[in-house]
Amino acid sequence: MQYITETFIRPVDLDVMIKRIQKESDALAKQEDFKTILLVDDDPTALRSMKNLLSSKYKIFVANSGLNAITIMAKNHVDLILLDYEMPVLDGPKVLEMLPKEIMENIDEFFAKNK
Protein backbone atom coordinates (compact mmCIF):
# COMPACT_ATOMS: atom_id res chain seq x y z
CA MET A 1 0.00 0.00 0.00
CA GLN A 2 1.28 3.42 -0.94
CA TYR A 3 0.73 6.41 1.32
CA ILE A 4 0.71 9.98 0.10
CA THR A 5 1.54 12.71 2.56
CA GLU A 6 0.68 16.31 1.88
CA THR A 7 0.84 19.28 4.23
CA PHE A 8 -1.82 21.95 3.95
CA ILE A 9 -1.45 25.23 5.80
CA ARG A 10 -4.46 26.54 7.70
CA PRO A 11 -6.84 27.82 6.68
CA VAL A 12 -6.97 24.97 4.17
CA ASP A 13 -7.85 26.00 0.64
CA LEU A 14 -10.37 23.30 -0.25
CA ASP A 15 -9.96 23.86 -4.00
CA VAL A 16 -6.22 23.16 -3.74
CA MET A 17 -6.81 20.10 -1.56
CA ILE A 18 -9.47 18.69 -3.90
CA LYS A 19 -7.21 19.21 -6.94
CA ARG A 20 -4.38 17.36 -5.15
CA ILE A 21 -6.68 14.46 -4.23
CA GLN A 22 -8.04 14.32 -7.80
CA LYS A 23 -4.51 14.28 -9.22
CA GLU A 24 -3.53 11.33 -7.03
CA SER A 25 -6.80 9.57 -7.75
CA ASP A 26 -6.26 9.94 -11.51
CA ALA A 27 -2.70 8.61 -11.21
CA LEU A 28 -3.94 5.63 -9.21
CA ALA A 29 -6.70 4.91 -11.73
CA LYS A 30 -4.13 4.87 -14.54
CA GLN A 31 -1.98 2.46 -12.55
CA GLU A 32 -4.96 0.11 -12.11
CA ASP A 33 -5.03 -0.33 -15.91
CA PHE A 34 -1.42 -1.51 -15.96
CA LYS A 35 -0.60 -5.18 -16.20
CA THR A 36 1.03 -6.47 -13.03
CA ILE A 37 4.46 -8.10 -12.93
CA LEU A 38 6.00 -9.83 -9.94
CA LEU A 39 9.81 -9.72 -9.94
CA VAL A 40 11.40 -12.43 -7.81
CA ASP A 41 15.17 -12.49 -7.34
CA ASP A 42 17.58 -12.70 -4.43
CA ASP A 43 19.93 -10.25 -6.17
CA PRO A 44 18.94 -6.68 -5.16
CA THR A 45 20.78 -5.18 -8.16
CA ALA A 46 18.82 -7.35 -10.58
CA LEU A 47 15.53 -6.45 -8.85
CA ARG A 48 16.30 -2.74 -8.92
CA SER A 49 17.35 -2.84 -12.59
CA MET A 50 14.27 -4.77 -13.69
CA LYS A 51 11.96 -2.53 -11.66
CA ASN A 52 13.50 0.63 -13.12
CA LEU A 53 13.16 -0.78 -16.62
CA LEU A 54 9.54 -1.93 -16.29
CA SER A 55 7.84 0.40 -13.80
CA SER A 56 6.85 3.07 -16.34
CA LYS A 57 4.63 0.61 -18.22
CA TYR A 58 3.67 -1.98 -15.61
CA LYS A 59 2.58 -2.18 -12.00
CA ILE A 60 5.49 -3.90 -10.26
CA PHE A 61 5.66 -6.07 -7.15
CA VAL A 62 9.12 -7.04 -5.90
CA ALA A 63 10.07 -10.10 -3.84
CA ASN A 64 13.59 -10.89 -2.72
CA SER A 65 12.79 -14.50 -1.82
CA GLY A 66 10.48 -17.32 -2.81
CA LEU A 67 8.54 -17.03 0.43
CA ASN A 68 7.93 -13.30 -0.13
CA ALA A 69 6.76 -14.09 -3.67
CA ILE A 70 4.18 -16.58 -2.41
CA THR A 71 2.92 -14.06 0.15
CA ILE A 72 2.56 -11.34 -2.50
CA MET A 73 0.75 -13.69 -4.89
CA ALA A 74 -1.67 -14.76 -2.16
CA LYS A 75 -2.72 -11.13 -1.64
CA ASN A 76 -2.48 -9.64 -5.16
CA HIS A 77 -3.39 -10.44 -8.74
CA VAL A 78 -0.29 -10.94 -10.88
CA ASP A 79 -0.29 -11.18 -14.69
CA LEU A 80 3.35 -12.19 -15.16
CA ILE A 81 6.06 -13.56 -12.89
CA LEU A 82 9.74 -13.04 -13.64
CA LEU A 83 11.19 -15.68 -11.36
CA ASP A 84 14.82 -16.42 -10.55
CA TYR A 85 15.42 -20.14 -10.87
CA GLU A 86 18.23 -20.41 -8.31
CA MET A 87 17.65 -18.77 -4.93
CA PRO A 88 18.65 -19.83 -1.44
CA VAL A 89 16.10 -21.59 0.82
CA LEU A 90 13.16 -21.60 -1.63
CA ASP A 91 14.23 -21.74 -5.31
CA GLY A 92 12.10 -21.04 -8.38
CA PRO A 93 10.82 -24.61 -8.93
CA LYS A 94 9.82 -24.91 -5.25
CA VAL A 95 7.93 -21.61 -5.46
CA LEU A 96 5.95 -22.95 -8.42
CA GLU A 97 5.23 -26.20 -6.57
CA MET A 98 3.96 -24.35 -3.50
CA LEU A 99 1.55 -22.02 -5.31
CA PRO A 100 -2.10 -22.96 -4.86
CA LYS A 101 -3.91 -24.12 -7.99
CA GLU A 102 -6.25 -21.08 -7.86
CA ILE A 103 -3.31 -18.71 -8.12
CA MET A 104 -1.64 -20.69 -10.90
CA GLU A 105 -4.83 -20.63 -12.99
CA ASN A 106 -4.99 -16.83 -12.88
CA ILE A 107 -1.42 -16.14 -13.96
CA ASP A 108 -0.90 -15.72 -17.69
CA GLU A 109 2.80 -16.41 -17.92
CA PHE A 110 5.92 -17.42 -16.06
CA PHE A 111 9.52 -16.82 -16.91
CA ALA A 112 12.36 -18.32 -14.94
CA LYS A 113 15.96 -17.28 -15.33
CA ASN A 114 18.95 -19.40 -14.52
CA LYS A 115 22.28 -17.82 -13.61
C-alpha atoms as a PDB file:
ATOM      1  CA  MET A   1       0.000   0.000   0.000  1.00  0.00           C
ATOM      2  CA  GLN A   2       1.283   3.423  -0.937  1.00  0.00           C
ATOM      3  CA  TYR A   3       0.727   6.410   1.317  1.00  0.00           C
ATOM      4  CA  ILE A   4       0.707   9.979   0.104  1.00  0.00           C
ATOM      5  CA  THR A   5       1.544  12.711   2.558  1.00  0.00           C
ATOM      6  CA  GLU A   6       0.679  16.308   1.884  1.00  0.00           C
ATOM      7  CA  THR A   7       0.839  19.281   4.234  1.00  0.00           C
ATOM      8  CA  PHE A   8      -1.825  21.947   3.950  1.00  0.00           C
ATOM      9  CA  ILE A   9      -1.452  25.233   5.799  1.00  0.00           C
ATOM     10  CA  ARG A  10      -4.464  26.545   7.700  1.00  0.00           C
ATOM     11  CA  PRO A  11      -6.845  27.824   6.677  1.00  0.00           C
ATOM     12  CA  VAL A  12      -6.973  24.973   4.170  1.00  0.00           C
ATOM     13  CA  ASP A  13      -7.851  26.003   0.645  1.00  0.00           C
ATOM     14  CA  LEU A  14     -10.372  23.299  -0.254  1.00  0.00           C
ATOM     15  CA  ASP A  15      -9.955  23.856  -3.997  1.00  0.00           C
ATOM     16  CA  VAL A  16      -6.218  23.157  -3.738  1.00  0.00           C
ATOM     17  CA  MET A  17      -6.810  20.099  -1.561  1.00  0.00           C
ATOM     18  CA  ILE A  18      -9.469  18.692  -3.902  1.00  0.00           C
ATOM     19  CA  LYS A  19      -7.210  19.211  -6.935  1.00  0.00           C
ATOM     20  CA  ARG A  20      -4.385  17.358  -5.154  1.00  0.00           C
ATOM     21  CA  ILE A  21      -6.676  14.461  -4.232  1.00  0.00           C
ATOM     22  CA  GLN A  22      -8.039  14.325  -7.797  1.00  0.00           C
ATOM     23  CA  LYS A  23      -4.513  14.283  -9.221  1.00  0.00           C
ATOM     24  CA  GLU A  24      -3.527  11.326  -7.027  1.00  0.00           C
ATOM     25  CA  SER A  25      -6.799   9.567  -7.750  1.00  0.00           C
ATOM     26  CA  ASP A  26      -6.260   9.936 -11.511  1.00  0.00           C
ATOM     27  CA  ALA A  27      -2.703   8.610 -11.208  1.00  0.00           C
ATOM     28  CA  LEU A  28      -3.939   5.631  -9.208  1.00  0.00           C
ATOM     29  CA  ALA A  29      -6.700   4.907 -11.733  1.00  0.00           C
ATOM     30  CA  LYS A  30      -4.135   4.867 -14.543  1.00  0.00           C
ATOM     31  CA  GLN A  31      -1.984   2.463 -12.551  1.00  0.00           C
ATOM     32  CA  GLU A  32      -4.964   0.114 -12.110  1.00  0.00           C
ATOM     33  CA  ASP A  33      -5.032  -0.330 -15.908  1.00  0.00           C
ATOM     34  CA  PHE A  34      -1.421  -1.509 -15.964  1.00  0.00           C
ATOM     35  CA  LYS A  35      -0.604  -5.182 -16.200  1.00  0.00           C
ATOM     36  CA  THR A  36       1.029  -6.471 -13.030  1.00  0.00           C
ATOM     37  CA  ILE A  37       4.455  -8.102 -12.928  1.00  0.00           C
ATOM     38  CA  LEU A  38       6.003  -9.831  -9.940  1.00  0.00           C
ATOM     39  CA  LEU A  39       9.808  -9.717  -9.941  1.00  0.00           C
ATOM     40  CA  VAL A  40      11.402 -12.432  -7.812  1.00  0.00           C
ATOM     41  CA  ASP A  41      15.166 -12.486  -7.344  1.00  0.00           C
ATOM     42  CA  ASP A  42      17.576 -12.699  -4.430  1.00  0.00           C
ATOM     43  CA  ASP A  43      19.927 -10.246  -6.172  1.00  0.00           C
ATOM     44  CA  PRO A  44      18.941  -6.681  -5.164  1.00  0.00           C
ATOM     45  CA  THR A  45      20.780  -5.177  -8.155  1.00  0.00           C
ATOM     46  CA  ALA A  46      18.816  -7.349 -10.582  1.00  0.00           C
ATOM     47  CA  LEU A  47      15.531  -6.451  -8.851  1.00  0.00           C
ATOM     48  CA  ARG A  48      16.303  -2.737  -8.918  1.00  0.00           C
ATOM     49  CA  SER A  49      17.348  -2.843 -12.587  1.00  0.00           C
ATOM     50  CA  MET A  50      14.266  -4.775 -13.686  1.00  0.00           C
ATOM     51  CA  LYS A  51      11.961  -2.529 -11.656  1.00  0.00           C
ATOM     52  CA  ASN A  52      13.502   0.629 -13.123  1.00  0.00           C
ATOM     53  CA  LEU A  53      13.159  -0.784 -16.619  1.00  0.00           C
ATOM     54  CA  LEU A  54       9.541  -1.929 -16.286  1.00  0.00           C
ATOM     55  CA  SER A  55       7.843   0.404 -13.798  1.00  0.00           C
ATOM     56  CA  SER A  56       6.846   3.065 -16.336  1.00  0.00           C
ATOM     57  CA  LYS A  57       4.627   0.614 -18.224  1.00  0.00           C
ATOM     58  CA  TYR A  58       3.668  -1.976 -15.605  1.00  0.00           C
ATOM     59  CA  LYS A  59       2.580  -2.182 -12.000  1.00  0.00           C
ATOM     60  CA  ILE A  60       5.491  -3.900 -10.258  1.00  0.00           C
ATOM     61  CA  PHE A  61       5.663  -6.069  -7.154  1.00  0.00           C
ATOM     62  CA  VAL A  62       9.118  -7.043  -5.904  1.00  0.00           C
ATOM     63  CA  ALA A  63      10.069 -10.095  -3.841  1.00  0.00           C
ATOM     64  CA  ASN A  64      13.594 -10.893  -2.718  1.00  0.00           C
ATOM     65  CA  SER A  65      12.788 -14.498  -1.818  1.00  0.00           C
ATOM     66  CA  GLY A  66      10.482 -17.323  -2.809  1.00  0.00           C
ATOM     67  CA  LEU A  67       8.538 -17.033   0.426  1.00  0.00           C
ATOM     68  CA  ASN A  68       7.932 -13.303  -0.129  1.00  0.00           C
ATOM     69  CA  ALA A  69       6.758 -14.092  -3.669  1.00  0.00           C
ATOM     70  CA  ILE A  70       4.183 -16.583  -2.407  1.00  0.00           C
ATOM     71  CA  THR A  71       2.915 -14.058   0.147  1.00  0.00           C
ATOM     72  CA  ILE A  72       2.562 -11.339  -2.502  1.00  0.00           C
ATOM     73  CA  MET A  73       0.749 -13.686  -4.887  1.00  0.00           C
ATOM     74  CA  ALA A  74      -1.669 -14.760  -2.165  1.00  0.00           C
ATOM     75  CA  LYS A  75      -2.716 -11.130  -1.642  1.00  0.00           C
ATOM     76  CA  ASN A  76      -2.483  -9.641  -5.155  1.00  0.00           C
ATOM     77  CA  HIS A  77      -3.386 -10.437  -8.743  1.00  0.00           C
ATOM     78  CA  VAL A  78      -0.288 -10.941 -10.880  1.00  0.00           C
ATOM     79  CA  ASP A  79      -0.288 -11.179 -14.691  1.00  0.00           C
ATOM     80  CA  LEU A  80       3.346 -12.189 -15.164  1.00  0.00           C
ATOM     81  CA  ILE A  81       6.060 -13.562 -12.891  1.00  0.00           C
ATOM     82  CA  LEU A  82       9.741 -13.042 -13.643  1.00  0.00           C
ATOM     83  CA  LEU A  83      11.185 -15.684 -11.363  1.00  0.00           C
ATOM     84  CA  ASP A  84      14.819 -16.421 -10.547  1.00  0.00           C
ATOM     85  CA  TYR A  85      15.420 -20.142 -10.873  1.00  0.00           C
ATOM     86  CA  GLU A  86      18.227 -20.413  -8.312  1.00  0.00           C
ATOM     87  CA  MET A  87      17.651 -18.766  -4.931  1.00  0.00           C
ATOM     88  CA  PRO A  88      18.647 -19.834  -1.437  1.00  0.00           C
ATOM     89  CA  VAL A  89      16.097 -21.588   0.818  1.00  0.00           C
ATOM     90  CA  LEU A  90      13.163 -21.603  -1.634  1.00  0.00           C
ATOM     91  CA  ASP A  91      14.227 -21.739  -5.305  1.00  0.00           C
ATOM     92  CA  GLY A  92      12.101 -21.037  -8.384  1.00  0.00           C
ATOM     93  CA  PRO A  93      10.817 -24.609  -8.933  1.00  0.00           C
ATOM     94  CA  LYS A  94       9.824 -24.911  -5.255  1.00  0.00           C
ATOM     95  CA  VAL A  95       7.929 -21.613  -5.461  1.00  0.00           C
ATOM     96  CA  LEU A  96       5.948 -22.948  -8.416  1.00  0.00           C
ATOM     97  CA  GLU A  97       5.226 -26.196  -6.573  1.00  0.00           C
ATOM     98  CA  MET A  98       3.955 -24.346  -3.502  1.00  0.00           C
ATOM     99  CA  LEU A  99       1.546 -22.024  -5.313  1.00  0.00           C
ATOM    100  CA  PRO A 100      -2.103 -22.963  -4.856  1.00  0.00           C
ATOM    101  CA  LYS A 101      -3.912 -24.121  -7.989  1.00  0.00           C
ATOM    102  CA  GLU A 102      -6.253 -21.084  -7.864  1.00  0.00           C
ATOM    103  CA  ILE A 103      -3.306 -18.713  -8.117  1.00  0.00           C
ATOM    104  CA  MET A 104      -1.640 -20.691 -10.899  1.00  0.00           C
ATOM    105  CA  GLU A 105      -4.833 -20.634 -12.994  1.00  0.00           C
ATOM    106  CA  ASN A 106      -4.993 -16.828 -12.884  1.00  0.00           C
ATOM    107  CA  ILE A 107      -1.418 -16.141 -13.956  1.00  0.00           C
ATOM    108  CA  ASP A 108      -0.902 -15.717 -17.685  1.00  0.00           C
ATOM    109  CA  GLU A 109       2.805 -16.414 -17.925  1.00  0.00           C
ATOM    110  CA  PHE A 110       5.923 -17.423 -16.062  1.00  0.00           C
ATOM    111  CA  PHE A 111       9.517 -16.818 -16.907  1.00  0.00           C
ATOM    112  CA  ALA A 112      12.356 -18.322 -14.935  1.00  0.00           C
ATOM    113  CA  LYS A 113      15.965 -17.277 -15.330  1.00  0.00           C
ATOM    114  CA  ASN A 114      18.950 -19.396 -14.519  1.00  0.00           C
ATOM    115  CA  LYS A 115      22.283 -17.823 -13.611  1.00  0.00           C
END
